[in-house]
């Protein structure tokens, strides 16, 4: 979320202003606990993933001041609705030790699809970082190991592949979170065979739908989506704006769902990651996966609307 709440209100402030506390509490989201999140297949396997997951980077960075209980509560909420994808990225040893305790909680440990990343330069630094992640998370094997932002990927990728062969990662992949790096991602996808690609995509940052997402479908790669809310700045863009009446045509109730439904309408997307420390916000995100999704004509209308803000 943006630090300047006047210029870029965070989601909690935005919802309070736009909806009022009473409206938020009256939402029927808890009823969905009896339903399970829709799933999509990981290409080439019999495994499926729930379509909404938890991106933990910013919440974990807040944990030294806020503690880990908010993260634990959001993960419990995700699990309540059948979600299980928790995306992680290396932080300091002190921070990841505490986060690792959350991931090792017996109530959640074996119910999660945990991803990890390498985000350092140099082969030995990458090896050391991976060993530290394994130690702090208490896992010899993660579900997905990724090279973040393609950082020194030529050095890291042979080791990542070897760790998959050794059973230390069930799947392997690469990530980018900026439009400027999507060309590099495309080149990597064409030259290699990652199981997953992880890319930014939203009504505001929709370049991935031109080449990355079709290529992932063609090559049988699963897709994780980051930045559906542009790290929170989206809520500053839509603050004070009325949700269009036609959003009801695809069962959209809030601006958060507006972006998430746009993302999920692309069939190449396997799972979209959302970052929050508020269980009510996670429930709202999860509700985006239910009901109708926008068609292509409506998605163009959504892009045009957001472009005017």
Protein backbone atom coordinates (compact mmCIF):
# COMPACT_ATOMS: atom_id res chain seq x y z
CA UNK A 1 0.00 0.00 0.00
CA UNK A 2 1.15 3.54 -0.55
CA UNK A 3 2.73 5.30 2.38
CA UNK A 4 0.94 8.59 1.71
CA UNK A 5 -2.63 7.80 2.64
CA UNK A 6 -3.95 11.12 1.36
CA UNK A 7 -2.55 10.60 -2.11
CA UNK A 8 -2.73 6.79 -2.24
CA UNK A 9 -5.15 5.43 0.36
CA UNK A 10 -4.63 1.89 1.48
CA UNK A 11 -7.35 -0.67 1.03
CA UNK A 12 -8.63 -0.51 4.58
CA UNK A 13 -9.14 3.26 4.36
CA UNK A 14 -10.63 2.99 0.89
CA UNK A 15 -13.20 0.38 1.91
CA UNK A 16 -14.14 2.29 5.01
CA UNK A 17 -14.77 5.43 2.97
CA UNK A 18 -16.52 3.78 0.04
CA UNK A 19 -18.66 1.24 1.86
CA UNK A 20 -18.90 2.15 5.52
CA UNK A 21 -18.25 -0.36 8.27
CA UNK A 22 -21.87 -1.51 8.41
CA UNK A 23 -21.94 -2.32 4.72
CA UNK A 24 -18.71 -4.29 5.02
CA UNK A 25 -19.98 -6.34 7.93
CA UNK A 26 -23.26 -7.06 6.19
CA UNK A 27 -21.61 -8.72 3.20
CA UNK A 28 -22.57 -12.40 2.85
CA UNK A 29 -18.98 -13.54 2.38
CA UNK A 30 -19.00 -15.94 5.33
CA UNK A 31 -21.66 -17.99 3.58
CA UNK A 32 -19.08 -18.92 0.97
CA UNK A 33 -17.21 -20.93 3.59
CA UNK A 34 -19.48 -23.80 2.56
CA UNK A 35 -18.23 -23.46 -1.01
CA UNK A 36 -14.76 -24.20 -2.30
CA UNK A 37 -12.69 -21.99 -4.51
CA UNK A 38 -12.78 -22.99 -8.18
CA UNK A 39 -9.61 -24.67 -9.37
CA UNK A 40 -7.62 -24.78 -12.59
CA UNK A 41 -5.23 -27.45 -13.77
CA UNK A 42 -1.47 -27.28 -13.81
CA UNK A 43 -0.78 -28.20 -17.45
CA UNK A 44 0.62 -31.65 -18.01
CA UNK A 45 -0.32 -32.93 -14.56
CA UNK A 46 -3.42 -34.13 -12.78
CA UNK A 47 -3.00 -31.48 -10.11
CA UNK A 48 -5.26 -28.45 -9.72
CA UNK A 49 -4.82 -25.20 -7.83
CA UNK A 50 -7.43 -22.86 -6.36
CA UNK A 51 -7.60 -19.72 -8.48
CA UNK A 52 -6.95 -17.21 -5.65
CA UNK A 53 -3.83 -17.36 -3.50
CA UNK A 54 -1.82 -15.32 -1.00
CA UNK A 55 1.14 -13.19 -2.04
CA UNK A 56 3.06 -12.76 1.19
CA UNK A 57 5.87 -10.34 0.32
CA UNK A 58 4.46 -7.10 1.74
CA UNK A 59 2.66 -8.71 4.71
CA UNK A 60 5.86 -10.50 5.70
CA UNK A 61 7.82 -7.25 5.53
CA UNK A 62 5.29 -5.75 7.96
CA UNK A 63 5.70 -8.61 10.44
CA UNK A 64 8.52 -7.05 12.53
CA UNK A 65 6.08 -4.35 13.64
CA UNK A 66 2.73 -6.11 13.20
CA UNK A 67 3.71 -9.65 14.18
CA UNK A 68 2.85 -12.81 12.28
CA UNK A 69 -0.67 -13.35 13.62
CA UNK A 70 -2.27 -11.24 10.84
CA UNK A 71 -0.51 -13.42 8.26
CA UNK A 72 -1.62 -16.57 10.05
CA UNK A 73 -5.22 -15.34 10.14
CA UNK A 74 -5.24 -14.60 6.40
CA UNK A 75 -3.80 -18.05 5.62
CA UNK A 76 -6.46 -19.67 7.79
CA UNK A 77 -9.14 -17.72 5.90
CA UNK A 78 -7.69 -18.86 2.58
CA UNK A 79 -7.74 -22.47 3.74
CA UNK A 80 -11.31 -22.12 4.98
CA UNK A 81 -12.45 -21.55 1.40
CA UNK A 82 -10.28 -24.26 -0.09
CA UNK A 83 -7.37 -22.02 -1.07
CA UNK A 84 -3.81 -23.17 -0.50
CA UNK A 85 -1.29 -21.24 -2.63
CA UNK A 86 1.12 -19.17 -0.51
CA UNK A 87 3.80 -17.38 -2.51
CA UNK A 88 6.98 -16.40 -0.65
CA UNK A 89 10.17 -14.47 -1.35
CA UNK A 90 13.42 -14.43 0.67
CA UNK A 91 13.72 -11.68 3.25
CA UNK A 92 16.12 -11.33 6.17
CA UNK A 93 16.85 -14.41 8.22
CA UNK A 94 15.10 -12.87 11.24
CA UNK A 95 11.91 -12.17 9.28
CA UNK A 96 11.82 -15.52 7.49
CA UNK A 97 12.43 -17.43 10.71
CA UNK A 98 9.21 -16.02 12.16
CA UNK A 99 7.32 -16.50 8.89
CA UNK A 100 8.64 -20.06 8.76
CA UNK A 101 6.96 -20.77 12.09
CA UNK A 102 3.63 -19.80 10.53
CA UNK A 103 4.22 -22.11 7.57
CA UNK A 104 5.16 -24.97 9.92
CA UNK A 105 2.06 -24.68 12.09
CA UNK A 106 0.68 -28.26 12.23
CA UNK A 107 -2.80 -26.96 11.40
CA UNK A 108 -1.69 -25.56 8.05
CA UNK A 109 1.67 -27.10 7.11
CA UNK A 110 0.49 -29.98 4.93
CA UNK A 111 -2.47 -28.11 3.46
CA UNK A 112 -0.46 -25.43 1.67
CA UNK A 113 1.05 -25.16 -1.81
CA UNK A 114 4.19 -23.21 -0.85
CA UNK A 115 6.30 -21.41 -3.43
CA UNK A 116 9.79 -20.07 -2.81
CA UNK A 117 12.14 -17.82 -4.75
CA UNK A 118 15.80 -17.07 -5.32
CA UNK A 119 16.57 -13.38 -5.73
CA UNK A 120 20.32 -12.93 -5.49
CA UNK A 121 23.34 -12.63 -7.77
CA UNK A 122 26.00 -15.31 -7.99
CA UNK A 123 25.72 -19.09 -8.05
CA UNK A 124 26.97 -19.72 -4.52
CA UNK A 125 24.78 -16.95 -3.11
CA UNK A 126 21.81 -18.62 -4.78
CA UNK A 127 22.70 -21.99 -3.28
CA UNK A 128 23.13 -20.45 0.16
CA UNK A 129 19.84 -18.58 -0.12
CA UNK A 130 17.97 -21.75 -1.08
CA UNK A 131 19.49 -23.71 1.80
CA UNK A 132 18.50 -20.95 4.20
CA UNK A 133 14.93 -20.97 2.91
CA UNK A 134 14.72 -24.74 3.38
CA UNK A 135 16.05 -24.43 6.92
CA UNK A 136 13.87 -21.51 8.01
CA UNK A 137 10.70 -22.89 6.42
CA UNK A 138 11.39 -26.39 7.73
CA UNK A 139 10.88 -27.93 4.29
CA UNK A 140 13.29 -29.97 2.25
CA UNK A 141 10.81 -29.77 -0.63
CA UNK A 142 8.73 -26.81 -1.74
CA UNK A 143 5.92 -27.05 -4.23
CA UNK A 144 7.37 -24.40 -6.56
CA UNK A 145 10.87 -22.86 -6.69
CA UNK A 146 11.22 -19.72 -8.80
CA UNK A 147 14.01 -17.40 -9.93
CA UNK A 148 12.66 -13.97 -9.05
CA UNK A 149 12.81 -11.23 -11.70
CA UNK A 150 15.04 -13.53 -13.78
CA UNK A 151 17.89 -12.38 -11.56
CA UNK A 152 21.10 -14.11 -12.66
CA UNK A 153 18.85 -16.81 -14.11
CA UNK A 154 21.52 -18.23 -16.42
CA UNK A 155 23.59 -19.17 -13.36
CA UNK A 156 20.70 -20.29 -11.16
CA UNK A 157 18.56 -22.25 -13.61
CA UNK A 158 20.82 -25.34 -13.91
CA UNK A 159 20.81 -25.66 -10.12
CA UNK A 160 17.05 -25.13 -9.95
CA UNK A 161 16.54 -27.91 -12.48
CA UNK A 162 18.88 -30.19 -10.54
CA UNK A 163 16.99 -29.50 -7.31
CA UNK A 164 13.76 -30.48 -9.03
CA UNK A 165 15.37 -33.71 -10.22
CA UNK A 166 16.52 -34.36 -6.65
CA UNK A 167 13.00 -33.88 -5.29
CA UNK A 168 13.63 -30.54 -3.56
CA UNK A 169 11.07 -28.73 -5.72
CA UNK A 170 8.00 -30.26 -7.28
CA UNK A 171 7.77 -27.51 -9.91
CA UNK A 172 10.15 -24.79 -11.09
CA UNK A 173 9.61 -21.41 -12.70
CA UNK A 174 10.60 -17.77 -13.12
CA UNK A 175 8.99 -14.45 -12.23
CA UNK A 176 8.78 -10.85 -13.38
CA UNK A 177 6.73 -8.03 -11.90
CA UNK A 178 7.36 -5.21 -14.38
CA UNK A 179 6.23 -4.70 -17.98
CA UNK A 180 9.78 -3.80 -18.97
CA UNK A 181 10.98 -7.33 -18.17
CA UNK A 182 8.28 -9.22 -20.01
CA UNK A 183 10.37 -9.36 -23.18
CA UNK A 184 13.11 -11.14 -21.24
CA UNK A 185 10.51 -13.47 -19.80
CA UNK A 186 9.21 -14.33 -23.24
CA UNK A 187 12.73 -15.12 -24.46
CA UNK A 188 13.32 -17.37 -21.45
CA UNK A 189 10.02 -19.17 -21.98
CA UNK A 190 10.95 -19.90 -25.59
CA UNK A 191 14.44 -21.14 -24.73
CA UNK A 192 13.56 -23.18 -21.63
CA UNK A 193 10.71 -25.20 -20.20
CA UNK A 194 9.62 -23.73 -16.85
CA UNK A 195 6.63 -25.42 -15.26
CA UNK A 196 5.34 -22.03 -14.07
CA UNK A 197 5.67 -18.41 -15.10
CA UNK A 198 4.78 -15.66 -12.67
CA UNK A 199 3.93 -12.26 -14.17
CA UNK A 200 2.18 -8.95 -13.46
CA UNK A 201 -1.27 -8.62 -15.02
CA UNK A 202 -4.32 -6.44 -14.32
CA UNK A 203 -6.64 -3.99 -16.12
CA UNK A 204 -3.92 -1.37 -15.59
CA UNK A 205 -0.96 -3.56 -16.59
CA UNK A 206 -2.36 -5.80 -19.31
CA UNK A 207 0.62 -6.26 -21.62
CA UNK A 208 1.00 -9.91 -20.58
CA UNK A 209 -2.14 -10.86 -22.48
CA UNK A 210 -0.49 -10.01 -25.80
CA UNK A 211 2.35 -12.54 -25.77
CA UNK A 212 3.16 -14.01 -22.35
CA UNK A 213 -0.21 -15.58 -21.54
CA UNK A 214 -0.83 -17.04 -25.02
CA UNK A 215 2.71 -18.43 -25.06
CA UNK A 216 2.20 -20.03 -21.65
CA UNK A 217 -0.94 -21.73 -22.95
CA UNK A 218 0.82 -22.92 -26.09
CA UNK A 219 3.80 -24.28 -24.15
CA UNK A 220 1.76 -25.86 -21.33
CA UNK A 221 3.00 -23.62 -18.52
CA UNK A 222 1.01 -22.76 -15.42
CA UNK A 223 0.66 -19.04 -14.67
CA UNK A 224 0.72 -17.16 -11.37
CA UNK A 225 -0.32 -13.49 -11.45
CA UNK A 226 1.15 -10.75 -9.26
CA UNK A 227 0.22 -7.06 -8.80
CA UNK A 228 -3.55 -7.34 -9.42
CA UNK A 229 -3.82 -4.15 -7.32
CA UNK A 230 -0.47 -2.64 -8.40
CA UNK A 231 0.88 -3.06 -4.86
CA UNK A 232 -2.09 -1.09 -3.53
CA UNK A 233 -1.88 1.98 -5.78
CA UNK A 234 -4.97 0.73 -7.65
CA UNK A 235 -7.12 1.64 -4.66
CA UNK A 236 -5.81 5.18 -4.84
CA UNK A 237 -6.85 5.31 -8.51
CA UNK A 238 -10.42 4.21 -7.85
CA UNK A 239 -10.92 6.03 -4.54
CA UNK A 240 -14.09 8.10 -4.73
CA UNK A 241 -15.12 6.48 -8.03
CA UNK A 242 -18.43 4.68 -8.28
CA UNK A 243 -18.35 1.09 -9.46
CA UNK A 244 -20.09 1.02 -12.87
CA UNK A 245 -23.59 -0.40 -12.93
CA UNK A 246 -22.59 -2.85 -15.65
CA UNK A 247 -20.15 -4.54 -13.25
CA UNK A 248 -23.17 -6.43 -11.93
CA UNK A 249 -23.35 -8.20 -15.30
CA UNK A 250 -20.34 -10.27 -14.22
CA UNK A 251 -21.28 -10.49 -10.53
CA UNK A 252 -18.77 -7.87 -9.42
CA UNK A 253 -19.49 -6.11 -6.12
CA UNK A 254 -16.31 -4.14 -5.39
CA UNK A 255 -13.33 -2.51 -7.07
CA UNK A 256 -11.05 -5.28 -5.77
CA UNK A 257 -13.22 -7.85 -7.52
CA UNK A 258 -13.25 -5.69 -10.65
CA UNK A 259 -9.51 -6.25 -11.12
CA UNK A 260 -9.50 -9.88 -9.98
CA UNK A 261 -12.34 -10.87 -12.29
CA UNK A 262 -10.51 -9.21 -15.17
CA UNK A 263 -7.46 -11.37 -14.39
CA UNK A 264 -9.40 -14.59 -13.89
CA UNK A 265 -11.29 -14.13 -17.15
CA UNK A 266 -8.09 -15.07 -18.99
CA UNK A 267 -8.05 -18.88 -19.32
CA UNK A 268 -4.23 -18.98 -19.24
CA UNK A 269 -4.23 -17.80 -15.60
CA UNK A 270 -3.87 -20.58 -13.07
CA UNK A 271 -3.92 -18.51 -9.86
CA UNK A 272 -3.90 -14.82 -8.94
CA UNK A 273 -2.01 -13.79 -5.81
CA UNK A 274 -3.40 -11.14 -3.48
CA UNK A 275 -1.55 -9.44 -0.62
CA UNK A 276 -3.42 -8.50 2.54
CA UNK A 277 -3.26 -8.91 6.31
CA UNK A 278 -7.02 -8.53 6.72
CA UNK A 279 -9.16 -11.70 6.59
CA UNK A 280 -12.17 -9.63 5.44
CA UNK A 281 -10.18 -8.44 2.44
CA UNK A 282 -9.12 -12.01 1.66
CA UNK A 283 -12.76 -13.08 1.75
CA UNK A 284 -13.64 -10.27 -0.64
CA UNK A 285 -10.86 -11.39 -2.97
CA UNK A 286 -12.04 -14.98 -2.83
CA UNK A 287 -15.58 -13.97 -3.79
CA UNK A 288 -14.21 -12.70 -7.09
CA UNK A 289 -13.73 -16.32 -8.13
CA UNK A 290 -17.45 -17.06 -7.89
CA UNK A 291 -20.14 -16.11 -10.37
CA UNK A 292 -19.71 -14.87 -13.90
CA UNK A 293 -16.53 -13.50 -15.45
CA UNK A 294 -16.29 -10.73 -18.05
CA UNK A 295 -16.12 -11.61 -21.75
CA UNK A 296 -13.58 -10.04 -24.12
CA UNK A 297 -15.81 -7.11 -25.04
CA UNK A 298 -16.40 -6.36 -21.38
CA UNK A 299 -12.70 -6.62 -20.61
CA UNK A 300 -12.02 -3.94 -23.23
CA UNK A 301 -14.64 -1.80 -21.55
CA UNK A 302 -12.94 -2.38 -18.19
CA UNK A 303 -9.55 -1.35 -19.57
CA UNK A 304 -11.02 1.77 -21.13
CA UNK A 305 -12.70 2.75 -17.87
CA UNK A 306 -9.56 2.32 -15.78
CA UNK A 307 -7.49 4.23 -18.35
CA UNK A 308 -9.65 7.31 -17.75
CA UNK A 309 -8.99 7.39 -13.99
